[in-house]
């Protein structure tokens, strides 16, 4: 179950980050949102990795 949840979180992060870039280029939003959302994507990916790591 942890492996599947970790895979899902990593998948969501890897889909979300490129979509975030496309959204920014097409529509734009406040400059502060881009680094904040990028950091959030990295944290979600890292958490998914920790769930999938067999050593943890």
PDB file of N, CA and C in Angstrom:
ATOM      1  N   UNK A   1       0.819  -1.195   0.000  1.00  0.00           N
ATOM      2  CA  UNK A   1       0.000   0.000   0.000  1.00  0.00           C
ATOM      3  C   UNK A   1       0.866   1.263   0.000  1.00  0.00           C
ATOM      4  N   UNK A   2       1.931   1.241   0.825  1.00  0.00           N
ATOM      5  CA  UNK A   2       2.833   2.399   0.870  1.00  0.00           C
ATOM      6  C   UNK A   2       3.514   2.613  -0.473  1.00  0.00           C
ATOM      7  N   UNK A   3       3.879   1.510  -1.146  1.00  0.00           N
ATOM      8  CA  UNK A   3       4.532   1.610  -2.447  1.00  0.00           C
ATOM      9  C   UNK A   3       3.594   2.255  -3.469  1.00  0.00           C
ATOM     10  N   UNK A   4       2.333   1.861  -3.458  1.00  0.00           N
ATOM     11  CA  UNK A   4       1.370   2.426  -4.406  1.00  0.00           C
ATOM     12  C   UNK A   4       1.104   3.903  -4.113  1.00  0.00           C
ATOM     13  N   UNK A   5       0.983   4.259  -2.850  1.00  0.00           N
ATOM     14  CA  UNK A   5       0.776   5.661  -2.480  1.00  0.00           C
ATOM     15  C   UNK A   5       1.998   6.498  -2.860  1.00  0.00           C
ATOM     16  N   UNK A   6       3.188   5.964  -2.614  1.00  0.00           N
ATOM     17  CA  UNK A   6       4.410   6.660  -2.992  1.00  0.00           C
ATOM     18  C   UNK A   6       4.504   6.849  -4.495  1.00  0.00           C
ATOM     19  N   UNK A   7       4.145   5.805  -5.256  1.00  0.00           N
ATOM     20  CA  UNK A   7       4.150   5.926  -6.715  1.00  0.00           C
ATOM     21  C   UNK A   7       3.163   6.996  -7.173  1.00  0.00           C
ATOM     22  N   UNK A   8       1.977   7.003  -6.571  1.00  0.00           N
ATOM     23  CA  UNK A   8       0.964   7.997  -6.937  1.00  0.00           C
ATOM     24  C   UNK A   8       1.452   9.413  -6.646  1.00  0.00           C
ATOM     25  N   UNK A   9       2.064   9.624  -5.489  1.00  0.00           N
ATOM     26  CA  UNK A   9       2.570  10.953  -5.141  1.00  0.00           C
ATOM     27  C   UNK A   9       3.680  11.399  -6.101  1.00  0.00           C
ATOM     28  N   UNK A  10       4.566  10.475  -6.455  1.00  0.00           N
ATOM     29  CA  UNK A  10       5.616  10.819  -7.399  1.00  0.00           C
ATOM     30  C   UNK A  10       5.018  11.128  -8.776  1.00  0.00           C
ATOM     31  N   UNK A  11       4.044  10.357  -9.193  1.00  0.00           N
ATOM     32  CA  UNK A  11       3.388  10.590 -10.478  1.00  0.00           C
ATOM     33  C   UNK A  11       2.706  11.953 -10.503  1.00  0.00           C
ATOM     34  N   UNK A  12       1.999  12.283  -9.436  1.00  0.00           N
ATOM     35  CA  UNK A  12       1.314  13.578  -9.347  1.00  0.00           C
ATOM     36  C   UNK A  12       2.328  14.718  -9.426  1.00  0.00           C
ATOM     37  N   UNK A  13       3.447  14.589  -8.717  1.00  0.00           N
ATOM     38  CA  UNK A  13       4.463  15.645  -8.740  1.00  0.00           C
ATOM     39  C   UNK A  13       5.060  15.792 -10.135  1.00  0.00           C
ATOM     40  N   UNK A  14       5.331  14.681 -10.806  1.00  0.00           N
ATOM     41  CA  UNK A  14       5.946  14.749 -12.129  1.00  0.00           C
ATOM     42  C   UNK A  14       4.979  15.244 -13.194  1.00  0.00           C
ATOM     43  N   UNK A  15       3.684  15.111 -12.975  1.00  0.00           N
ATOM     44  CA  UNK A  15       2.692  15.663 -13.911  1.00  0.00           C
ATOM     45  C   UNK A  15       2.421  17.126 -13.569  1.00  0.00           C
ATOM     46  N   UNK A  16       2.385  17.447 -12.281  1.00  0.00           N
ATOM     47  CA  UNK A  16       2.030  18.790 -11.828  1.00  0.00           C
ATOM     48  C   UNK A  16       3.075  19.835 -12.210  1.00  0.00           C
ATOM     49  N   UNK A  17       4.358  19.510 -12.062  1.00  0.00           N
ATOM     50  CA  UNK A  17       5.394  20.511 -12.294  1.00  0.00           C
ATOM     51  C   UNK A  17       5.449  21.006 -13.744  1.00  0.00           C
ATOM     52  N   UNK A  18       5.418  20.130 -14.754  1.00  0.00           N
ATOM     53  CA  UNK A  18       5.371  20.650 -16.131  1.00  0.00           C
ATOM     54  C   UNK A  18       4.076  21.415 -16.431  1.00  0.00           C
ATOM     55  N   UNK A  19       2.956  20.964 -15.883  1.00  0.00           N
ATOM     56  CA  UNK A  19       1.703  21.696 -16.080  1.00  0.00           C
ATOM     57  C   UNK A  19       1.766  23.076 -15.437  1.00  0.00           C
ATOM     58  N   UNK A  20       2.458  23.170 -14.317  1.00  0.00           N
ATOM     59  CA  UNK A  20       2.648  24.468 -13.664  1.00  0.00           C
ATOM     60  C   UNK A  20       3.411  25.427 -14.570  1.00  0.00           C
ATOM     61  N   UNK A  21       4.440  24.923 -15.233  1.00  0.00           N
ATOM     62  CA  UNK A  21       5.222  25.760 -16.142  1.00  0.00           C
ATOM     63  C   UNK A  21       4.374  26.208 -17.325  1.00  0.00           C
ATOM     64  N   UNK A  22       3.605  25.288 -17.893  1.00  0.00           N
ATOM     65  CA  UNK A  22       2.740  25.633 -19.031  1.00  0.00           C
ATOM     66  C   UNK A  22       1.700  26.662 -18.599  1.00  0.00           C
ATOM     67  N   UNK A  23       1.115  26.477 -17.437  1.00  0.00           N
ATOM     68  CA  UNK A  23       0.116  27.425 -16.934  1.00  0.00           C
ATOM     69  C   UNK A  23       0.737  28.820 -16.761  1.00  0.00           C
ATOM     70  N   UNK A  24       1.942  28.867 -16.204  1.00  0.00           N
ATOM     71  CA  UNK A  24       2.618  30.144 -16.006  1.00  0.00           C
ATOM     72  C   UNK A  24       2.892  30.830 -17.344  1.00  0.00           C
ATOM     73  N   UNK A  25       3.344  30.080 -18.330  1.00  0.00           N
ATOM     74  CA  UNK A  25       3.666  30.667 -19.624  1.00  0.00           C
ATOM     75  C   UNK A  25       2.420  31.150 -20.363  1.00  0.00           C
ATOM     76  N   UNK A  26       1.328  30.427 -20.241  1.00  0.00           N
ATOM     77  CA  UNK A  26       0.110  30.790 -20.965  1.00  0.00           C
ATOM     78  C   UNK A  26      -0.705  31.869 -20.270  1.00  0.00           C
ATOM     79  N   UNK A  27      -0.863  31.779 -18.969  1.00  0.00           N
ATOM     80  CA  UNK A  27      -1.781  32.656 -18.254  1.00  0.00           C
ATOM     81  C   UNK A  27      -1.080  33.597 -17.282  1.00  0.00           C
ATOM     82  N   UNK A  28       0.026  33.156 -16.725  1.00  0.00           N
ATOM     83  CA  UNK A  28       0.756  33.965 -15.754  1.00  0.00           C
ATOM     84  C   UNK A  28       0.046  34.016 -14.410  1.00  0.00           C
ATOM     85  N   UNK A  29       0.807  34.188 -13.381  1.00  0.00           N
ATOM     86  CA  UNK A  29       0.292  34.416 -12.035  1.00  0.00           C
ATOM     87  C   UNK A  29       1.373  35.117 -11.242  1.00  0.00           C
ATOM     88  N   UNK A  30       1.104  35.461 -10.022  1.00  0.00           N
ATOM     89  CA  UNK A  30       2.056  36.221  -9.208  1.00  0.00           C
ATOM     90  C   UNK A  30       3.383  35.467  -9.100  1.00  0.00           C
ATOM     91  N   UNK A  31       4.446  36.222  -9.121  1.00  0.00           N
ATOM     92  CA  UNK A  31       5.788  35.651  -9.137  1.00  0.00           C
ATOM     93  C   UNK A  31       6.075  34.779  -7.921  1.00  0.00           C
ATOM     94  N   UNK A  32       5.512  35.099  -6.795  1.00  0.00           N
ATOM     95  CA  UNK A  32       5.767  34.340  -5.572  1.00  0.00           C
ATOM     96  C   UNK A  32       5.228  32.913  -5.650  1.00  0.00           C
ATOM     97  N   UNK A  33       4.190  32.682  -6.438  1.00  0.00           N
ATOM     98  CA  UNK A  33       3.577  31.355  -6.510  1.00  0.00           C
ATOM     99  C   UNK A  33       4.489  30.314  -7.150  1.00  0.00           C
ATOM    100  N   UNK A  34       5.273  30.711  -8.140  1.00  0.00           N
ATOM    101  CA  UNK A  34       6.093  29.735  -8.869  1.00  0.00           C
ATOM    102  C   UNK A  34       7.106  29.030  -7.963  1.00  0.00           C
ATOM    103  N   UNK A  35       7.951  29.729  -7.210  1.00  0.00           N
ATOM    104  CA  UNK A  35       8.886  28.990  -6.351  1.00  0.00           C
ATOM    105  C   UNK A  35       8.182  28.234  -5.222  1.00  0.00           C
ATOM    106  N   UNK A  36       7.090  28.781  -4.735  1.00  0.00           N
ATOM    107  CA  UNK A  36       6.355  28.108  -3.658  1.00  0.00           C
ATOM    108  C   UNK A  36       5.766  26.791  -4.162  1.00  0.00           C
ATOM    109  N   UNK A  37       5.127  26.816  -5.322  1.00  0.00           N
ATOM    110  CA  UNK A  37       4.526  25.604  -5.874  1.00  0.00           C
ATOM    111  C   UNK A  37       5.585  24.610  -6.340  1.00  0.00           C
ATOM    112  N   UNK A  38       6.716  25.109  -6.821  1.00  0.00           N
ATOM    113  CA  UNK A  38       7.806  24.218  -7.201  1.00  0.00           C
ATOM    114  C   UNK A  38       8.361  23.507  -5.976  1.00  0.00           C
ATOM    115  N   UNK A  39       8.559  24.241  -4.898  1.00  0.00           N
ATOM    116  CA  UNK A  39       9.027  23.631  -3.657  1.00  0.00           C
ATOM    117  C   UNK A  39       8.018  22.616  -3.133  1.00  0.00           C
ATOM    118  N   UNK A  40       6.739  22.922  -3.228  1.00  0.00           N
ATOM    119  CA  UNK A  40       5.697  21.981  -2.822  1.00  0.00           C
ATOM    120  C   UNK A  40       5.766  20.704  -3.665  1.00  0.00           C
ATOM    121  N   UNK A  41       5.974  20.841  -4.968  1.00  0.00           N
ATOM    122  CA  UNK A  41       6.110  19.672  -5.846  1.00  0.00           C
ATOM    123  C   UNK A  41       7.307  18.818  -5.481  1.00  0.00           C
ATOM    124  N   UNK A  42       8.414  19.467  -5.133  1.00  0.00           N
ATOM    125  CA  UNK A  42       9.616  18.729  -4.734  1.00  0.00           C
ATOM    126  C   UNK A  42       9.366  17.977  -3.429  1.00  0.00           C
ATOM    127  N   UNK A  43       8.687  18.606  -2.494  1.00  0.00           N
ATOM    128  CA  UNK A  43       8.392  17.952  -1.211  1.00  0.00           C
ATOM    129  C   UNK A  43       7.461  16.765  -1.411  1.00  0.00           C
ATOM    130  N   UNK A  44       6.463  16.910  -2.259  1.00  0.00           N
ATOM    131  CA  UNK A  44       5.540  15.794  -2.543  1.00  0.00           C
ATOM    132  C   UNK A  44       6.306  14.642  -3.190  1.00  0.00           C
ATOM    133  N   UNK A  45       7.186  14.962  -4.140  1.00  0.00           N
ATOM    134  CA  UNK A  45       7.979  13.916  -4.791  1.00  0.00           C
ATOM    135  C   UNK A  45       8.887  13.221  -3.784  1.00  0.00           C
ATOM    136  N   UNK A  46       9.545  14.009  -2.928  1.00  0.00           N
ATOM    137  CA  UNK A  46      10.440  13.433  -1.922  1.00  0.00           C
ATOM    138  C   UNK A  46       9.673  12.530  -0.953  1.00  0.00           C
ATOM    139  N   UNK A  47       8.496  12.985  -0.540  1.00  0.00           N
ATOM    140  CA  UNK A  47       7.679  12.173   0.376  1.00  0.00           C
ATOM    141  C   UNK A  47       7.262  10.869  -0.301  1.00  0.00           C
ATOM    142  N   UNK A  48       6.890  10.942  -1.574  1.00  0.00           N
ATOM    143  CA  UNK A  48       6.562   9.722  -2.322  1.00  0.00           C
ATOM    144  C   UNK A  48       7.756   8.789  -2.410  1.00  0.00           C
ATOM    145  N   UNK A  49       8.936   9.350  -2.595  1.00  0.00           N
ATOM    146  CA  UNK A  49      10.158   8.530  -2.638  1.00  0.00           C
ATOM    147  C   UNK A  49      10.394   7.849  -1.291  1.00  0.00           C
ATOM    148  N   UNK A  50      10.197   8.597  -0.220  1.00  0.00           N
ATOM    149  CA  UNK A  50      10.388   8.005   1.122  1.00  0.00           C
ATOM    150  C   UNK A  50       9.419   6.855   1.373  1.00  0.00           C
ATOM    151  N   UNK A  51       8.192   6.968   0.866  1.00  0.00           N
ATOM    152  CA  UNK A  51       7.226   5.889   1.034  1.00  0.00           C
ATOM    153  C   UNK A  51       7.622   4.659   0.243  1.00  0.00           C
ATOM    154  N   UNK A  52       8.236   4.852  -0.909  1.00  0.00           N
ATOM    155  CA  UNK A  52       8.618   3.731  -1.759  1.00  0.00           C
ATOM    156  C   UNK A  52       9.953   3.138  -1.393  1.00  0.00           C
ATOM    157  N   UNK A  53      10.757   3.827  -0.595  1.00  0.00           N
ATOM    158  CA  UNK A  53      12.087   3.360  -0.231  1.00  0.00           C
ATOM    159  C   UNK A  53      11.971   2.119   0.655  1.00  0.00           C
ATOM    160  N   UNK A  54      12.545   0.988   0.237  1.00  0.00           N
ATOM    161  CA  UNK A  54      12.392  -0.233   1.042  1.00  0.00           C
ATOM    162  C   UNK A  54      13.129  -0.167   2.377  1.00  0.00           C
ATOM    163  N   UNK A  55      14.100   0.715   2.521  1.00  0.00           N
ATOM    164  CA  UNK A  55      14.861   0.822   3.765  1.00  0.00           C
ATOM    165  C   UNK A  55      14.154   1.578   4.862  1.00  0.00           C
ATOM    166  N   UNK A  56      13.077   2.303   4.513  1.00  0.00           N
ATOM    167  CA  UNK A  56      12.423   3.125   5.536  1.00  0.00           C
ATOM    168  C   UNK A  56      11.269   2.412   6.182  1.00  0.00           C
TER     169      UNK A  56
END
